[in-house]
N, C-alpha and C. Protein backbone atom coordinates (compact mmCIF):
# COMPACT_ATOMS: atom_id res chain seq x y z
N UNK A 1 -36.23 13.88 1.17
CA UNK A 1 -35.27 12.84 0.86
C UNK A 1 -34.89 12.11 2.14
N UNK A 2 -35.03 10.82 2.15
CA UNK A 2 -34.65 10.02 3.31
C UNK A 2 -33.26 9.43 3.09
N UNK A 3 -32.53 9.37 4.17
CA UNK A 3 -31.18 8.80 4.06
C UNK A 3 -31.23 7.31 4.36
N UNK A 4 -30.40 6.60 3.66
CA UNK A 4 -30.31 5.16 3.88
C UNK A 4 -29.49 4.89 5.14
N UNK A 5 -29.83 3.85 5.87
CA UNK A 5 -29.04 3.52 7.06
C UNK A 5 -27.66 2.99 6.65
N UNK A 6 -26.69 3.24 7.52
CA UNK A 6 -25.34 2.72 7.29
C UNK A 6 -25.33 1.25 7.72
N UNK A 7 -24.85 0.37 6.86
CA UNK A 7 -24.82 -1.06 7.22
C UNK A 7 -23.99 -1.32 8.47
N UNK A 8 -24.41 -2.31 9.22
CA UNK A 8 -23.68 -2.71 10.43
C UNK A 8 -22.26 -3.13 10.04
N UNK A 9 -21.29 -2.65 10.78
CA UNK A 9 -19.90 -3.01 10.52
C UNK A 9 -19.18 -2.07 9.57
N UNK A 10 -19.89 -1.10 9.00
CA UNK A 10 -19.27 -0.20 8.01
C UNK A 10 -18.13 0.61 8.62
N UNK A 11 -18.29 1.06 9.85
CA UNK A 11 -17.23 1.86 10.47
C UNK A 11 -16.02 1.00 10.85
N UNK A 12 -16.27 -0.25 11.20
CA UNK A 12 -15.16 -1.16 11.47
C UNK A 12 -14.36 -1.39 10.18
N UNK A 13 -15.05 -1.55 9.08
CA UNK A 13 -14.39 -1.72 7.78
C UNK A 13 -13.59 -0.46 7.45
N UNK A 14 -14.16 0.70 7.73
CA UNK A 14 -13.46 1.96 7.47
C UNK A 14 -12.17 2.03 8.27
N UNK A 15 -12.22 1.64 9.54
CA UNK A 15 -11.02 1.64 10.38
C UNK A 15 -9.97 0.66 9.84
N UNK A 16 -10.41 -0.53 9.45
CA UNK A 16 -9.48 -1.52 8.90
C UNK A 16 -8.85 -1.02 7.59
N UNK A 17 -9.64 -0.35 6.77
CA UNK A 17 -9.10 0.22 5.53
C UNK A 17 -8.15 1.38 5.82
N UNK A 18 -8.42 2.14 6.88
CA UNK A 18 -7.50 3.18 7.33
C UNK A 18 -6.14 2.55 7.65
N UNK A 19 -6.15 1.43 8.40
CA UNK A 19 -4.91 0.73 8.73
C UNK A 19 -4.24 0.17 7.48
N UNK A 20 -5.04 -0.32 6.55
CA UNK A 20 -4.55 -0.84 5.27
C UNK A 20 -3.77 0.25 4.54
N UNK A 21 -4.32 1.46 4.50
CA UNK A 21 -3.64 2.57 3.82
C UNK A 21 -2.43 3.05 4.62
N UNK A 22 -2.51 2.99 5.94
CA UNK A 22 -1.37 3.37 6.77
C UNK A 22 -0.16 2.49 6.44
N UNK A 23 -0.37 1.19 6.38
CA UNK A 23 0.72 0.27 6.04
C UNK A 23 1.20 0.52 4.62
N UNK A 24 0.26 0.75 3.71
CA UNK A 24 0.60 0.98 2.31
C UNK A 24 1.55 2.16 2.15
N UNK A 25 1.25 3.26 2.80
CA UNK A 25 2.09 4.44 2.63
C UNK A 25 3.37 4.38 3.47
N UNK A 26 3.33 3.71 4.60
CA UNK A 26 4.56 3.53 5.38
C UNK A 26 5.56 2.71 4.57
N UNK A 27 5.03 1.73 3.86
CA UNK A 27 5.84 0.85 3.03
C UNK A 27 6.58 1.59 1.91
N UNK A 28 5.95 2.61 1.38
CA UNK A 28 6.53 3.33 0.24
C UNK A 28 7.81 4.07 0.61
N UNK A 29 7.94 4.46 1.86
CA UNK A 29 9.08 5.30 2.23
C UNK A 29 10.25 4.52 2.85
N UNK A 30 10.07 3.23 3.04
CA UNK A 30 11.10 2.43 3.71
C UNK A 30 12.45 2.51 3.00
N UNK A 31 12.46 2.29 1.70
CA UNK A 31 13.74 2.27 0.97
C UNK A 31 14.42 3.64 1.03
N UNK A 32 13.64 4.70 0.93
CA UNK A 32 14.22 6.03 1.01
C UNK A 32 14.87 6.31 2.35
N UNK A 33 14.20 5.91 3.43
CA UNK A 33 14.74 6.15 4.76
C UNK A 33 15.93 5.25 5.08
N UNK A 34 15.92 4.07 4.52
CA UNK A 34 17.00 3.11 4.78
C UNK A 34 18.06 3.15 3.67
N UNK A 35 18.06 4.21 2.88
CA UNK A 35 18.95 4.29 1.73
C UNK A 35 20.42 4.09 2.02
N UNK A 36 20.95 4.81 2.98
CA UNK A 36 22.38 4.72 3.28
C UNK A 36 22.75 3.33 3.79
N UNK A 37 22.02 2.77 4.76
CA UNK A 37 22.37 1.40 5.18
C UNK A 37 22.24 0.37 4.05
N UNK A 38 21.23 0.52 3.20
CA UNK A 38 21.07 -0.42 2.08
C UNK A 38 22.24 -0.29 1.12
N UNK A 39 22.60 0.94 0.78
CA UNK A 39 23.72 1.15 -0.15
C UNK A 39 25.02 0.60 0.43
N UNK A 40 25.23 0.80 1.71
CA UNK A 40 26.45 0.31 2.36
C UNK A 40 26.48 -1.21 2.40
N UNK A 41 25.38 -1.82 2.85
CA UNK A 41 25.35 -3.28 3.00
C UNK A 41 25.44 -4.01 1.67
N UNK A 42 24.76 -3.50 0.65
CA UNK A 42 24.76 -4.16 -0.66
C UNK A 42 25.85 -3.62 -1.59
N UNK A 43 26.62 -2.64 -1.09
CA UNK A 43 27.69 -2.01 -1.88
C UNK A 43 27.15 -1.49 -3.21
N UNK A 44 26.10 -0.68 -3.12
CA UNK A 44 25.44 -0.15 -4.32
C UNK A 44 25.98 1.21 -4.69
N UNK A 45 26.06 1.45 -5.97
CA UNK A 45 26.38 2.78 -6.49
C UNK A 45 25.09 3.61 -6.44
N UNK A 46 25.19 4.94 -6.47
CA UNK A 46 23.99 5.77 -6.46
C UNK A 46 23.01 5.45 -7.60
N UNK A 47 23.54 5.10 -8.77
CA UNK A 47 22.66 4.76 -9.91
C UNK A 47 21.85 3.50 -9.62
N UNK A 48 22.50 2.52 -9.00
CA UNK A 48 21.81 1.27 -8.66
C UNK A 48 20.73 1.53 -7.61
N UNK A 49 21.06 2.37 -6.64
CA UNK A 49 20.06 2.68 -5.62
C UNK A 49 18.89 3.46 -6.22
N UNK A 50 19.18 4.33 -7.17
CA UNK A 50 18.12 5.05 -7.88
C UNK A 50 17.20 4.10 -8.62
N UNK A 51 17.79 3.10 -9.26
CA UNK A 51 16.99 2.08 -9.95
C UNK A 51 16.15 1.30 -8.94
N UNK A 52 16.74 0.98 -7.81
CA UNK A 52 16.04 0.25 -6.77
C UNK A 52 14.84 1.06 -6.24
N UNK A 53 15.07 2.33 -5.99
CA UNK A 53 14.00 3.19 -5.49
C UNK A 53 12.87 3.37 -6.49
N UNK A 54 13.22 3.56 -7.73
CA UNK A 54 12.19 3.80 -8.75
C UNK A 54 11.54 2.52 -9.25
N UNK A 55 12.16 1.37 -9.02
CA UNK A 55 11.59 0.10 -9.49
C UNK A 55 10.23 -0.17 -8.87
N UNK A 56 10.00 0.37 -7.70
CA UNK A 56 8.71 0.22 -7.02
C UNK A 56 7.57 0.69 -7.91
N UNK A 57 7.82 1.72 -8.70
CA UNK A 57 6.77 2.32 -9.52
C UNK A 57 6.69 1.76 -10.93
N UNK A 58 7.50 0.75 -11.25
CA UNK A 58 7.52 0.17 -12.59
C UNK A 58 6.15 -0.38 -12.99
N UNK A 59 5.51 -1.15 -12.13
CA UNK A 59 4.18 -1.72 -12.41
C UNK A 59 3.07 -1.08 -11.59
N UNK A 60 3.40 -0.07 -10.81
CA UNK A 60 2.46 0.58 -9.89
C UNK A 60 1.19 1.04 -10.60
N UNK A 61 1.32 1.87 -11.62
CA UNK A 61 0.16 2.42 -12.33
C UNK A 61 -0.55 1.38 -13.18
N UNK A 62 0.23 0.55 -13.85
CA UNK A 62 -0.37 -0.50 -14.69
C UNK A 62 -1.22 -1.43 -13.85
N UNK A 63 -0.71 -1.83 -12.70
CA UNK A 63 -1.46 -2.71 -11.81
C UNK A 63 -2.73 -2.03 -11.31
N UNK A 64 -2.66 -0.73 -11.05
CA UNK A 64 -3.85 0.00 -10.59
C UNK A 64 -4.96 -0.06 -11.64
N UNK A 65 -4.60 0.10 -12.90
CA UNK A 65 -5.60 0.06 -13.97
C UNK A 65 -6.16 -1.35 -14.13
N UNK A 66 -5.29 -2.33 -14.17
CA UNK A 66 -5.73 -3.73 -14.34
C UNK A 66 -6.65 -4.15 -13.19
N UNK A 67 -6.23 -3.87 -11.97
CA UNK A 67 -7.04 -4.25 -10.81
C UNK A 67 -8.34 -3.44 -10.77
N UNK A 68 -8.31 -2.22 -11.30
CA UNK A 68 -9.55 -1.44 -11.39
C UNK A 68 -10.62 -2.16 -12.19
N UNK A 69 -10.23 -2.83 -13.25
CA UNK A 69 -11.19 -3.62 -14.03
C UNK A 69 -11.63 -4.87 -13.26
N UNK A 70 -10.69 -5.48 -12.58
CA UNK A 70 -10.97 -6.73 -11.86
C UNK A 70 -11.92 -6.50 -10.68
N UNK A 71 -11.74 -5.38 -9.97
CA UNK A 71 -12.49 -5.15 -8.74
C UNK A 71 -14.00 -5.00 -8.99
N UNK A 72 -14.39 -4.71 -10.21
CA UNK A 72 -15.81 -4.65 -10.54
C UNK A 72 -16.40 -6.03 -10.79
N UNK A 73 -15.56 -7.03 -10.90
CA UNK A 73 -16.02 -8.38 -11.22
C UNK A 73 -15.84 -9.37 -10.07
N UNK A 74 -14.98 -9.03 -9.13
CA UNK A 74 -14.67 -9.91 -8.00
C UNK A 74 -14.99 -9.16 -6.71
N UNK A 75 -15.44 -9.87 -5.71
CA UNK A 75 -15.75 -9.26 -4.42
C UNK A 75 -14.53 -8.49 -3.91
N UNK A 76 -14.76 -7.26 -3.49
CA UNK A 76 -13.69 -6.35 -3.08
C UNK A 76 -12.83 -6.93 -1.96
N UNK A 77 -13.45 -7.63 -1.02
CA UNK A 77 -12.67 -8.17 0.10
C UNK A 77 -11.59 -9.14 -0.38
N UNK A 78 -11.88 -9.90 -1.44
CA UNK A 78 -10.89 -10.84 -1.97
C UNK A 78 -9.76 -10.10 -2.69
N UNK A 79 -10.10 -9.01 -3.33
CA UNK A 79 -9.06 -8.20 -3.99
C UNK A 79 -8.15 -7.57 -2.94
N UNK A 80 -8.75 -7.03 -1.87
CA UNK A 80 -7.95 -6.46 -0.79
C UNK A 80 -7.05 -7.52 -0.14
N UNK A 81 -7.59 -8.69 0.08
CA UNK A 81 -6.80 -9.79 0.64
C UNK A 81 -5.64 -10.16 -0.29
N UNK A 82 -5.93 -10.23 -1.58
CA UNK A 82 -4.88 -10.56 -2.56
C UNK A 82 -3.78 -9.50 -2.55
N UNK A 83 -4.16 -8.23 -2.48
CA UNK A 83 -3.16 -7.16 -2.43
C UNK A 83 -2.29 -7.29 -1.18
N UNK A 84 -2.92 -7.53 -0.03
CA UNK A 84 -2.16 -7.67 1.21
C UNK A 84 -1.23 -8.89 1.14
N UNK A 85 -1.68 -9.97 0.52
CA UNK A 85 -0.82 -11.15 0.37
C UNK A 85 0.36 -10.86 -0.55
N UNK A 86 0.13 -10.10 -1.61
CA UNK A 86 1.23 -9.71 -2.50
C UNK A 86 2.25 -8.90 -1.72
N UNK A 87 1.79 -7.96 -0.88
CA UNK A 87 2.71 -7.17 -0.07
C UNK A 87 3.55 -8.09 0.80
N UNK A 88 2.88 -8.99 1.51
CA UNK A 88 3.59 -9.87 2.44
C UNK A 88 4.58 -10.77 1.70
N UNK A 89 4.14 -11.38 0.62
CA UNK A 89 5.01 -12.30 -0.12
C UNK A 89 6.18 -11.58 -0.79
N UNK A 90 5.94 -10.35 -1.23
CA UNK A 90 7.01 -9.58 -1.87
C UNK A 90 8.08 -9.18 -0.86
N UNK A 91 7.70 -9.03 0.39
CA UNK A 91 8.67 -8.61 1.40
C UNK A 91 9.32 -9.79 2.12
N UNK A 92 8.72 -10.94 2.01
CA UNK A 92 9.24 -12.11 2.72
C UNK A 92 10.71 -12.43 2.39
N UNK A 93 11.12 -12.40 1.12
CA UNK A 93 12.53 -12.71 0.83
C UNK A 93 13.51 -11.72 1.47
N UNK A 94 13.04 -10.53 1.80
CA UNK A 94 13.92 -9.52 2.36
C UNK A 94 14.25 -9.76 3.83
N UNK A 95 13.65 -10.79 4.42
CA UNK A 95 13.94 -11.13 5.80
C UNK A 95 15.37 -11.64 5.93
N UNK A 96 15.82 -12.38 4.95
CA UNK A 96 17.17 -12.96 4.98
C UNK A 96 18.16 -12.09 4.23
N UNK A 97 19.29 -12.67 3.97
CA UNK A 97 20.33 -11.99 3.21
C UNK A 97 20.00 -12.09 1.73
N UNK A 98 19.90 -10.95 1.08
CA UNK A 98 19.56 -10.93 -0.34
C UNK A 98 20.50 -10.01 -1.09
N UNK A 99 20.50 -10.15 -2.39
CA UNK A 99 21.32 -9.30 -3.23
C UNK A 99 20.47 -8.24 -3.93
N UNK A 100 21.13 -7.48 -4.75
CA UNK A 100 20.48 -6.38 -5.46
C UNK A 100 19.35 -6.87 -6.35
N UNK A 101 19.58 -7.93 -7.13
CA UNK A 101 18.56 -8.42 -8.07
C UNK A 101 17.29 -8.87 -7.35
N UNK A 102 17.45 -9.59 -6.26
CA UNK A 102 16.28 -10.05 -5.50
C UNK A 102 15.52 -8.87 -4.92
N UNK A 103 16.24 -7.92 -4.37
CA UNK A 103 15.60 -6.74 -3.81
C UNK A 103 14.87 -5.96 -4.89
N UNK A 104 15.46 -5.86 -6.06
CA UNK A 104 14.83 -5.16 -7.19
C UNK A 104 13.52 -5.84 -7.59
N UNK A 105 13.55 -7.15 -7.75
CA UNK A 105 12.34 -7.90 -8.12
C UNK A 105 11.26 -7.75 -7.04
N UNK A 106 11.67 -7.84 -5.78
CA UNK A 106 10.71 -7.70 -4.68
C UNK A 106 10.06 -6.32 -4.69
N UNK A 107 10.84 -5.29 -4.98
CA UNK A 107 10.28 -3.93 -5.01
C UNK A 107 9.31 -3.75 -6.18
N UNK A 108 9.60 -4.35 -7.34
CA UNK A 108 8.68 -4.27 -8.49
C UNK A 108 7.36 -4.95 -8.13
N UNK A 109 7.45 -6.14 -7.55
CA UNK A 109 6.23 -6.88 -7.17
C UNK A 109 5.46 -6.12 -6.09
N UNK A 110 6.17 -5.57 -5.13
CA UNK A 110 5.52 -4.79 -4.08
C UNK A 110 4.79 -3.59 -4.66
N UNK A 111 5.41 -2.91 -5.61
CA UNK A 111 4.75 -1.78 -6.26
C UNK A 111 3.49 -2.19 -7.00
N UNK A 112 3.55 -3.36 -7.64
CA UNK A 112 2.37 -3.87 -8.35
C UNK A 112 1.24 -4.17 -7.36
N UNK A 113 1.60 -4.61 -6.17
CA UNK A 113 0.59 -4.90 -5.15
C UNK A 113 0.06 -3.67 -4.46
N UNK A 114 0.88 -2.64 -4.36
CA UNK A 114 0.45 -1.43 -3.66
C UNK A 114 -0.19 -0.40 -4.57
N UNK A 115 0.08 -0.46 -5.86
CA UNK A 115 -0.49 0.52 -6.79
C UNK A 115 -2.00 0.63 -6.73
N UNK A 116 -2.72 -0.48 -6.74
CA UNK A 116 -4.18 -0.41 -6.75
C UNK A 116 -4.81 -0.19 -5.37
N UNK A 117 -4.03 -0.17 -4.32
CA UNK A 117 -4.57 -0.19 -2.96
C UNK A 117 -5.56 0.94 -2.68
N UNK A 118 -5.20 2.17 -3.00
CA UNK A 118 -6.07 3.29 -2.65
C UNK A 118 -7.40 3.22 -3.39
N UNK A 119 -7.35 2.99 -4.69
CA UNK A 119 -8.60 2.96 -5.45
C UNK A 119 -9.49 1.79 -5.03
N UNK A 120 -8.91 0.65 -4.70
CA UNK A 120 -9.70 -0.50 -4.25
C UNK A 120 -10.30 -0.21 -2.87
N UNK A 121 -9.53 0.44 -2.00
CA UNK A 121 -10.05 0.79 -0.67
C UNK A 121 -11.21 1.79 -0.78
N UNK A 122 -11.08 2.78 -1.65
CA UNK A 122 -12.18 3.74 -1.86
C UNK A 122 -13.40 3.02 -2.43
N UNK A 123 -13.17 2.12 -3.36
CA UNK A 123 -14.25 1.32 -3.94
C UNK A 123 -14.98 0.55 -2.84
N UNK A 124 -14.24 0.00 -1.92
CA UNK A 124 -14.82 -0.75 -0.81
C UNK A 124 -15.66 0.16 0.09
N UNK A 125 -15.12 1.32 0.44
CA UNK A 125 -15.87 2.27 1.27
C UNK A 125 -17.17 2.67 0.58
N UNK A 126 -17.10 2.89 -0.71
CA UNK A 126 -18.30 3.29 -1.45
C UNK A 126 -19.35 2.20 -1.45
N UNK A 127 -18.94 0.96 -1.37
CA UNK A 127 -19.91 -0.14 -1.30
C UNK A 127 -20.58 -0.22 0.07
N UNK A 128 -19.88 0.22 1.10
CA UNK A 128 -20.40 0.10 2.46
C UNK A 128 -21.29 1.26 2.88
N UNK A 129 -21.12 2.42 2.26
CA UNK A 129 -21.86 3.60 2.69
C UNK A 129 -22.75 4.12 1.57
N UNK A 130 -23.95 4.62 1.93
CA UNK A 130 -24.80 5.24 0.91
C UNK A 130 -24.17 6.56 0.44
N UNK A 131 -24.58 7.03 -0.72
CA UNK A 131 -24.00 8.23 -1.33
C UNK A 131 -23.85 9.39 -0.36
N UNK A 132 -24.89 9.69 0.39
CA UNK A 132 -24.89 10.88 1.25
C UNK A 132 -24.01 10.72 2.49
N UNK A 133 -23.47 9.54 2.74
CA UNK A 133 -22.64 9.32 3.93
C UNK A 133 -21.21 8.90 3.60
N UNK A 134 -20.77 9.10 2.39
CA UNK A 134 -19.44 8.62 1.98
C UNK A 134 -18.30 9.59 2.28
N UNK A 135 -18.61 10.84 2.50
CA UNK A 135 -17.56 11.85 2.64
C UNK A 135 -16.63 11.57 3.82
N UNK A 136 -17.18 11.40 5.00
CA UNK A 136 -16.36 11.18 6.19
C UNK A 136 -15.54 9.89 6.11
N UNK A 137 -16.15 8.75 5.76
CA UNK A 137 -15.33 7.54 5.67
C UNK A 137 -14.22 7.64 4.62
N UNK A 138 -14.49 8.33 3.51
CA UNK A 138 -13.46 8.50 2.49
C UNK A 138 -12.33 9.38 3.02
N UNK A 139 -12.68 10.42 3.78
CA UNK A 139 -11.67 11.29 4.38
C UNK A 139 -10.82 10.52 5.40
N UNK A 140 -11.46 9.68 6.20
CA UNK A 140 -10.73 8.86 7.17
C UNK A 140 -9.77 7.92 6.45
N UNK A 141 -10.26 7.28 5.42
CA UNK A 141 -9.43 6.39 4.61
C UNK A 141 -8.22 7.13 4.05
N UNK A 142 -8.45 8.32 3.52
CA UNK A 142 -7.36 9.11 2.93
C UNK A 142 -6.31 9.48 3.96
N UNK A 143 -6.73 9.69 5.19
CA UNK A 143 -5.77 10.07 6.23
C UNK A 143 -4.87 8.91 6.64
N UNK A 144 -5.26 7.70 6.30
CA UNK A 144 -4.38 6.55 6.55
C UNK A 144 -3.03 6.74 5.89
N UNK A 145 -3.03 7.34 4.70
CA UNK A 145 -1.78 7.58 3.99
C UNK A 145 -0.90 8.58 4.74
N UNK A 146 -1.50 9.65 5.23
CA UNK A 146 -0.73 10.65 5.97
C UNK A 146 -0.18 10.06 7.27
N UNK A 147 -1.02 9.34 7.99
CA UNK A 147 -0.56 8.74 9.24
C UNK A 147 0.50 7.67 9.00
N UNK A 148 0.42 7.00 7.87
CA UNK A 148 1.45 6.01 7.53
C UNK A 148 2.82 6.65 7.47
N UNK A 149 2.90 7.79 6.83
CA UNK A 149 4.17 8.51 6.72
C UNK A 149 4.57 9.10 8.06
N UNK A 150 3.60 9.72 8.75
CA UNK A 150 3.88 10.36 10.04
C UNK A 150 4.43 9.35 11.05
N UNK A 151 3.86 8.17 11.08
CA UNK A 151 4.31 7.16 12.05
C UNK A 151 5.55 6.40 11.58
N UNK A 152 5.68 6.21 10.29
CA UNK A 152 6.80 5.42 9.77
C UNK A 152 8.14 6.13 9.90
N UNK A 153 8.16 7.43 9.68
CA UNK A 153 9.44 8.15 9.70
C UNK A 153 10.14 8.01 11.05
N UNK A 154 9.51 8.37 12.17
CA UNK A 154 10.25 8.21 13.44
C UNK A 154 10.50 6.74 13.79
N UNK A 155 9.54 5.87 13.48
CA UNK A 155 9.71 4.45 13.81
C UNK A 155 10.88 3.85 13.04
N UNK A 156 10.95 4.13 11.75
CA UNK A 156 12.03 3.57 10.94
C UNK A 156 13.38 4.20 11.28
N UNK A 157 13.38 5.50 11.58
CA UNK A 157 14.64 6.13 11.99
C UNK A 157 15.15 5.53 13.30
N UNK A 158 14.24 5.19 14.19
CA UNK A 158 14.63 4.56 15.44
C UNK A 158 15.19 3.15 15.19
N UNK A 159 14.54 2.40 14.29
CA UNK A 159 14.99 1.04 13.98
C UNK A 159 16.32 1.02 13.25
N UNK A 160 16.50 1.96 12.35
CA UNK A 160 17.71 1.99 11.52
C UNK A 160 18.86 2.53 12.34
């Protein structure tokens, strides 16, 4: 059995997808780490903060399934770009002064954009590597999530 060569640029793509997942998972923990300052600034009750925290997952799974169908029909790079744009646009309103409703809507949209991220990233890695060489790049991609949390916790605690 002969092994297929790895396409040029495949490892660069793997590294970029690692960073993609790092940001994705760092993003998930922001509201939890900033809970007390958010509750204080927006004068939220614990129930409202619970709704805010869980709102991220309202469309998370549904979006993952829908985008799973789409990614087989559209070039993966465009789907990844669209997801990253959704992340950026969903967080943009949070730069200024916002209220509970705006933050809630932004978190729902952000969850919809982040839900499909892992499966689309794995799909992309699988397109770049032949079957017999997919294990290591997939493992590297998966570690982006762990590093996202590992790096985000001290960084966000320092910022907050």
